[in-house]
Amino acid sequence: MDDIFMTFDDQRTRATLRVLEEMTGRFQMIVFTHHDHLAELPEGRLHLHPLPRFRPFM
C-alpha cells in the first residue's frame, strides 16, 4: 500500500493500522509512507525499514 494514510488524522490512522495488523496472520502487510510520525502510532507489531534520503547526482 502506498501512503494510504495521506489524508488520515492520527485517530483514523491508528484504527487502520489495527485492522492491518489483524490481517497479518493471513497476509504480509507492507505500507510505504514518507510521514515519519506514522512509525510512532502503531501499538502492535511494526518493522520499520527507513530508506536513505535521495540525493540526485550533480
PDB file of N, CA and C in Angstrom:
ATOM      1  N   MET A   1       0.853  -1.166   0.000  1.00  0.00           N
ATOM      2  CA  MET A   1       0.000   0.000   0.000  1.00  0.00           C
ATOM      3  C   MET A   1       0.895   1.224   0.000  1.00  0.00           C
ATOM      4  N   ASP A   2       0.525   2.188  -0.772  1.00  0.00           N
ATOM      5  CA  ASP A   2       1.360   3.368  -0.919  1.00  0.00           C
ATOM      6  C   ASP A   2       0.679   4.581  -0.302  1.00  0.00           C
ATOM      7  N   ASP A   3       1.108   4.937   0.882  1.00  0.00           N
ATOM      8  CA  ASP A   3       0.670   6.138   1.590  1.00  0.00           C
ATOM      9  C   ASP A   3      -0.851   6.283   1.679  1.00  0.00           C
ATOM     10  N   ILE A   4      -1.504   5.206   2.107  1.00  0.00           N
ATOM     11  CA  ILE A   4      -2.961   5.259   2.248  1.00  0.00           C
ATOM     12  C   ILE A   4      -3.394   6.202   3.369  1.00  0.00           C
ATOM     13  N   PHE A   5      -2.455   6.593   4.227  1.00  0.00           N
ATOM     14  CA  PHE A   5      -2.777   7.460   5.365  1.00  0.00           C
ATOM     15  C   PHE A   5      -2.609   8.942   5.051  1.00  0.00           C
ATOM     16  N   MET A   6      -2.384   9.269   3.809  1.00  0.00           N
ATOM     17  CA  MET A   6      -2.056  10.629   3.406  1.00  0.00           C
ATOM     18  C   MET A   6      -3.067  11.656   3.935  1.00  0.00           C
ATOM     19  N   THR A   7      -4.342  11.330   3.915  1.00  0.00           N
ATOM     20  CA  THR A   7      -5.363  12.294   4.345  1.00  0.00           C
ATOM     21  C   THR A   7      -6.002  11.921   5.682  1.00  0.00           C
ATOM     22  N   PHE A   8      -5.408  10.941   6.394  1.00  0.00           N
ATOM     23  CA  PHE A   8      -5.967  10.488   7.669  1.00  0.00           C
ATOM     24  C   PHE A   8      -5.405  11.294   8.829  1.00  0.00           C
ATOM     25  N   ASP A   9      -6.244  11.535   9.842  1.00  0.00           N
ATOM     26  CA  ASP A   9      -5.730  12.070  11.092  1.00  0.00           C
ATOM     27  C   ASP A   9      -5.188  10.901  11.917  1.00  0.00           C
ATOM     28  N   ASP A  10      -4.562  11.185  13.064  1.00  0.00           N
ATOM     29  CA  ASP A  10      -3.931  10.122  13.860  1.00  0.00           C
ATOM     30  C   ASP A  10      -4.924   9.069  14.333  1.00  0.00           C
ATOM     31  N   GLN A  11      -6.141   9.474  14.688  1.00  0.00           N
ATOM     32  CA  GLN A  11      -7.140   8.523  15.160  1.00  0.00           C
ATOM     33  C   GLN A  11      -7.518   7.525  14.054  1.00  0.00           C
ATOM     34  N   ARG A  12      -7.755   8.003  12.872  1.00  0.00           N
ATOM     35  CA  ARG A  12      -8.095   7.110  11.751  1.00  0.00           C
ATOM     36  C   ARG A  12      -6.902   6.237  11.368  1.00  0.00           C
ATOM     37  N   THR A  13      -5.716   6.809  11.440  1.00  0.00           N
ATOM     38  CA  THR A  13      -4.511   6.041  11.121  1.00  0.00           C
ATOM     39  C   THR A  13      -4.336   4.893  12.098  1.00  0.00           C
ATOM     40  N   ARG A  14      -4.491   5.156  13.400  1.00  0.00           N
ATOM     41  CA  ARG A  14      -4.375   4.085  14.409  1.00  0.00           C
ATOM     42  C   ARG A  14      -5.401   2.982  14.153  1.00  0.00           C
ATOM     43  N   ALA A  15      -6.637   3.371  13.856  1.00  0.00           N
ATOM     44  CA  ALA A  15      -7.687   2.385  13.605  1.00  0.00           C
ATOM     45  C   ALA A  15      -7.347   1.538  12.383  1.00  0.00           C
ATOM     46  N   THR A  16      -6.854   2.156  11.343  1.00  0.00           N
ATOM     47  CA  THR A  16      -6.500   1.417  10.128  1.00  0.00           C
ATOM     48  C   THR A  16      -5.310   0.504  10.382  1.00  0.00           C
ATOM     49  N   LEU A  17      -4.317   0.975  11.139  1.00  0.00           N
ATOM     50  CA  LEU A  17      -3.166   0.128  11.458  1.00  0.00           C
ATOM     51  C   LEU A  17      -3.585  -1.099  12.275  1.00  0.00           C
ATOM     52  N   ARG A  18      -4.576  -0.940  13.160  1.00  0.00           N
ATOM     53  CA  ARG A  18      -5.081  -2.097  13.915  1.00  0.00           C
ATOM     54  C   ARG A  18      -5.719  -3.117  12.981  1.00  0.00           C
ATOM     55  N   VAL A  19      -6.490  -2.653  12.010  1.00  0.00           N
ATOM     56  CA  VAL A  19      -7.109  -3.560  11.035  1.00  0.00           C
ATOM     57  C   VAL A  19      -6.032  -4.272  10.227  1.00  0.00           C
ATOM     58  N   LEU A  20      -5.033  -3.529   9.773  1.00  0.00           N
ATOM     59  CA  LEU A  20      -3.949  -4.140   9.003  1.00  0.00           C
ATOM     60  C   LEU A  20      -3.188  -5.167   9.837  1.00  0.00           C
ATOM     61  N   GLU A  21      -2.990  -4.869  11.120  1.00  0.00           N
ATOM     62  CA  GLU A  21      -2.297  -5.830  11.991  1.00  0.00           C
ATOM     63  C   GLU A  21      -3.113  -7.114  12.146  1.00  0.00           C
ATOM     64  N   GLU A  22      -4.417  -6.996  12.231  1.00  0.00           N
ATOM     65  CA  GLU A  22      -5.267  -8.190  12.320  1.00  0.00           C
ATOM     66  C   GLU A  22      -5.125  -9.059  11.072  1.00  0.00           C
ATOM     67  N   MET A  23      -4.825  -8.448   9.949  1.00  0.00           N
ATOM     68  CA  MET A  23      -4.706  -9.183   8.692  1.00  0.00           C
ATOM     69  C   MET A  23      -3.339  -9.848   8.524  1.00  0.00           C
ATOM     70  N   THR A  24      -2.369  -9.521   9.395  1.00  0.00           N
ATOM     71  CA  THR A  24      -1.017 -10.047   9.206  1.00  0.00           C
ATOM     72  C   THR A  24      -0.926 -11.553   9.412  1.00  0.00           C
ATOM     73  N   GLY A  25      -1.901 -12.157  10.030  1.00  0.00           N
ATOM     74  CA  GLY A  25      -1.904 -13.606  10.169  1.00  0.00           C
ATOM     75  C   GLY A  25      -2.145 -14.314   8.837  1.00  0.00           C
ATOM     76  N   ARG A  26      -2.733 -13.600   7.895  1.00  0.00           N
ATOM     77  CA  ARG A  26      -3.052 -14.189   6.594  1.00  0.00           C
ATOM     78  C   ARG A  26      -2.284 -13.558   5.433  1.00  0.00           C
ATOM     79  N   PHE A  27      -1.840 -12.316   5.627  1.00  0.00           N
ATOM     80  CA  PHE A  27      -1.186 -11.577   4.553  1.00  0.00           C
ATOM     81  C   PHE A  27       0.050 -10.867   5.085  1.00  0.00           C
ATOM     82  N   GLN A  28       0.994 -10.605   4.196  1.00  0.00           N
ATOM     83  CA  GLN A  28       2.112  -9.748   4.539  1.00  0.00           C
ATOM     84  C   GLN A  28       1.709  -8.320   4.212  1.00  0.00           C
ATOM     85  N   MET A  29       1.716  -7.476   5.204  1.00  0.00           N
ATOM     86  CA  MET A  29       1.298  -6.093   5.011  1.00  0.00           C
ATOM     87  C   MET A  29       2.526  -5.205   4.870  1.00  0.00           C
ATOM     88  N   ILE A  30       2.618  -4.492   3.775  1.00  0.00           N
ATOM     89  CA  ILE A  30       3.714  -3.560   3.532  1.00  0.00           C
ATOM     90  C   ILE A  30       3.099  -2.200   3.241  1.00  0.00           C
ATOM     91  N   VAL A  31       3.510  -1.217   4.009  1.00  0.00           N
ATOM     92  CA  VAL A  31       2.981   0.135   3.854  1.00  0.00           C
ATOM     93  C   VAL A  31       4.152   1.067   3.565  1.00  0.00           C
ATOM     94  N   PHE A  32       4.050   1.827   2.501  1.00  0.00           N
ATOM     95  CA  PHE A  32       5.052   2.826   2.164  1.00  0.00           C
ATOM     96  C   PHE A  32       4.514   4.198   2.546  1.00  0.00           C
ATOM     97  N   THR A  33       5.362   5.005   3.183  1.00  0.00           N
ATOM     98  CA  THR A  33       4.953   6.366   3.523  1.00  0.00           C
ATOM     99  C   THR A  33       6.174   7.248   3.666  1.00  0.00           C
ATOM    100  N   HIS A  34       5.972   8.526   3.491  1.00  0.00           N
ATOM    101  CA  HIS A  34       7.039   9.490   3.745  1.00  0.00           C
ATOM    102  C   HIS A  34       6.779  10.263   5.042  1.00  0.00           C
ATOM    103  N   HIS A  35       5.761   9.884   5.774  1.00  0.00           N
ATOM    104  CA  HIS A  35       5.404  10.536   7.033  1.00  0.00           C
ATOM    105  C   HIS A  35       6.120   9.829   8.196  1.00  0.00           C
ATOM    106  N   ASP A  36       7.183  10.434   8.692  1.00  0.00           N
ATOM    107  CA  ASP A  36       7.973   9.822   9.762  1.00  0.00           C
ATOM    108  C   ASP A  36       7.166   9.567  11.035  1.00  0.00           C
ATOM    109  N   HIS A  37       6.213  10.426  11.350  1.00  0.00           N
ATOM    110  CA  HIS A  37       5.465  10.279  12.596  1.00  0.00           C
ATOM    111  C   HIS A  37       4.586   9.019  12.625  1.00  0.00           C
ATOM    112  N   LEU A  38       4.300   8.412  11.491  1.00  0.00           N
ATOM    113  CA  LEU A  38       3.469   7.202  11.478  1.00  0.00           C
ATOM    114  C   LEU A  38       4.145   6.045  12.196  1.00  0.00           C
ATOM    115  N   ALA A  39       5.461   6.034  12.255  1.00  0.00           N
ATOM    116  CA  ALA A  39       6.185   4.961  12.939  1.00  0.00           C
ATOM    117  C   ALA A  39       5.921   4.982  14.438  1.00  0.00           C
ATOM    118  N   GLU A  40       5.486   6.090  14.977  1.00  0.00           N
ATOM    119  CA  GLU A  40       5.231   6.214  16.410  1.00  0.00           C
ATOM    120  C   GLU A  40       3.799   5.831  16.791  1.00  0.00           C
ATOM    121  N   LEU A  41       2.906   5.670  15.831  1.00  0.00           N
ATOM    122  CA  LEU A  41       1.492   5.442  16.123  1.00  0.00           C
ATOM    123  C   LEU A  41       1.113   4.001  16.430  1.00  0.00           C
ATOM    124  N   PRO A  42       1.663   3.000  15.745  1.00  0.00           N
ATOM    125  CA  PRO A  42       1.171   1.638  15.977  1.00  0.00           C
ATOM    126  C   PRO A  42       1.473   1.156  17.390  1.00  0.00           C
ATOM    127  N   GLU A  43       0.539   0.362  17.907  1.00  0.00           N
ATOM    128  CA  GLU A  43       0.707  -0.207  19.238  1.00  0.00           C
ATOM    129  C   GLU A  43       1.122  -1.670  19.151  1.00  0.00           C
ATOM    130  N   GLY A  44       1.097  -2.250  17.988  1.00  0.00           N
ATOM    131  CA  GLY A  44       1.412  -3.663  17.812  1.00  0.00           C
ATOM    132  C   GLY A  44       2.741  -3.863  17.123  1.00  0.00           C
ATOM    133  N   ARG A  45       2.761  -4.849  16.263  1.00  0.00           N
ATOM    134  CA  ARG A  45       3.996  -5.191  15.559  1.00  0.00           C
ATOM    135  C   ARG A  45       4.291  -4.178  14.465  1.00  0.00           C
ATOM    136  N   LEU A  46       5.561  -3.820  14.378  1.00  0.00           N
ATOM    137  CA  LEU A  46       5.995  -2.908  13.336  1.00  0.00           C
ATOM    138  C   LEU A  46       7.459  -3.174  13.063  1.00  0.00           C
ATOM    139  N   HIS A  47       7.795  -3.337  11.815  1.00  0.00           N
ATOM    140  CA  HIS A  47       9.178  -3.462  11.394  1.00  0.00           C
ATOM    141  C   HIS A  47       9.440  -2.291  10.456  1.00  0.00           C
ATOM    142  N   LEU A  48      10.199  -1.336  10.948  1.00  0.00           N
ATOM    143  CA  LEU A  48      10.457  -0.126  10.195  1.00  0.00           C
ATOM    144  C   LEU A  48      11.756  -0.270   9.417  1.00  0.00           C
ATOM    145  N   HIS A  49      11.704   0.037   8.137  1.00  0.00           N
ATOM    146  CA  HIS A  49      12.877  -0.020   7.266  1.00  0.00           C
ATOM    147  C   HIS A  49      13.041   1.338   6.596  1.00  0.00           C
ATOM    148  N   PRO A  50      13.690   2.273   7.279  1.00  0.00           N
ATOM    149  CA  PRO A  50      13.854   3.600   6.669  1.00  0.00           C
ATOM    150  C   PRO A  50      14.818   3.534   5.486  1.00  0.00           C
ATOM    151  N   LEU A  51      14.526   4.308   4.489  1.00  0.00           N
ATOM    152  CA  LEU A  51      15.376   4.391   3.301  1.00  0.00           C
ATOM    153  C   LEU A  51      16.234   5.650   3.407  1.00  0.00           C
ATOM    154  N   PRO A  52      17.425   5.608   2.834  1.00  0.00           N
ATOM    155  CA  PRO A  52      18.249   6.818   2.863  1.00  0.00           C
ATOM    156  C   PRO A  52      17.610   7.918   2.032  1.00  0.00           C
ATOM    157  N   ARG A  53      17.909   9.148   2.389  1.00  0.00           N
ATOM    158  CA  ARG A  53      17.395  10.289   1.629  1.00  0.00           C
ATOM    159  C   ARG A  53      17.952  10.269   0.224  1.00  0.00           C
ATOM    160  N   PHE A  54      17.119  10.586  -0.728  1.00  0.00           N
ATOM    161  CA  PHE A  54      17.551  10.634  -2.122  1.00  0.00           C
ATOM    162  C   PHE A  54      18.422  11.867  -2.337  1.00  0.00           C
ATOM    163  N   ARG A  55      19.567  11.644  -2.919  1.00  0.00           N
ATOM    164  CA  ARG A  55      20.458  12.743  -3.264  1.00  0.00           C
ATOM    165  C   ARG A  55      20.784  12.628  -4.748  1.00  0.00           C
ATOM    166  N   PRO A  56      20.233  13.518  -5.553  1.00  0.00           N
ATOM    167  CA  PRO A  56      20.470  13.416  -7.012  1.00  0.00           C
ATOM    168  C   PRO A  56      21.946  13.644  -7.340  1.00  0.00           C
ATOM    169  N   PHE A  57      22.394  12.990  -8.377  1.00  0.00           N
ATOM    170  CA  PHE A  57      23.762  13.163  -8.848  1.00  0.00           C
ATOM    171  C   PHE A  57      23.872  14.527  -9.530  1.00  0.00           C
ATOM    172  N   MET A  58      24.950  15.207  -9.247  1.00  0.00           N
ATOM    173  CA  MET A  58      25.152  16.522  -9.901  1.00  0.00           C
ATOM    174  C   MET A  58      26.511  16.562 -10.534  1.00  0.00           C
TER     175      MET A  58
END
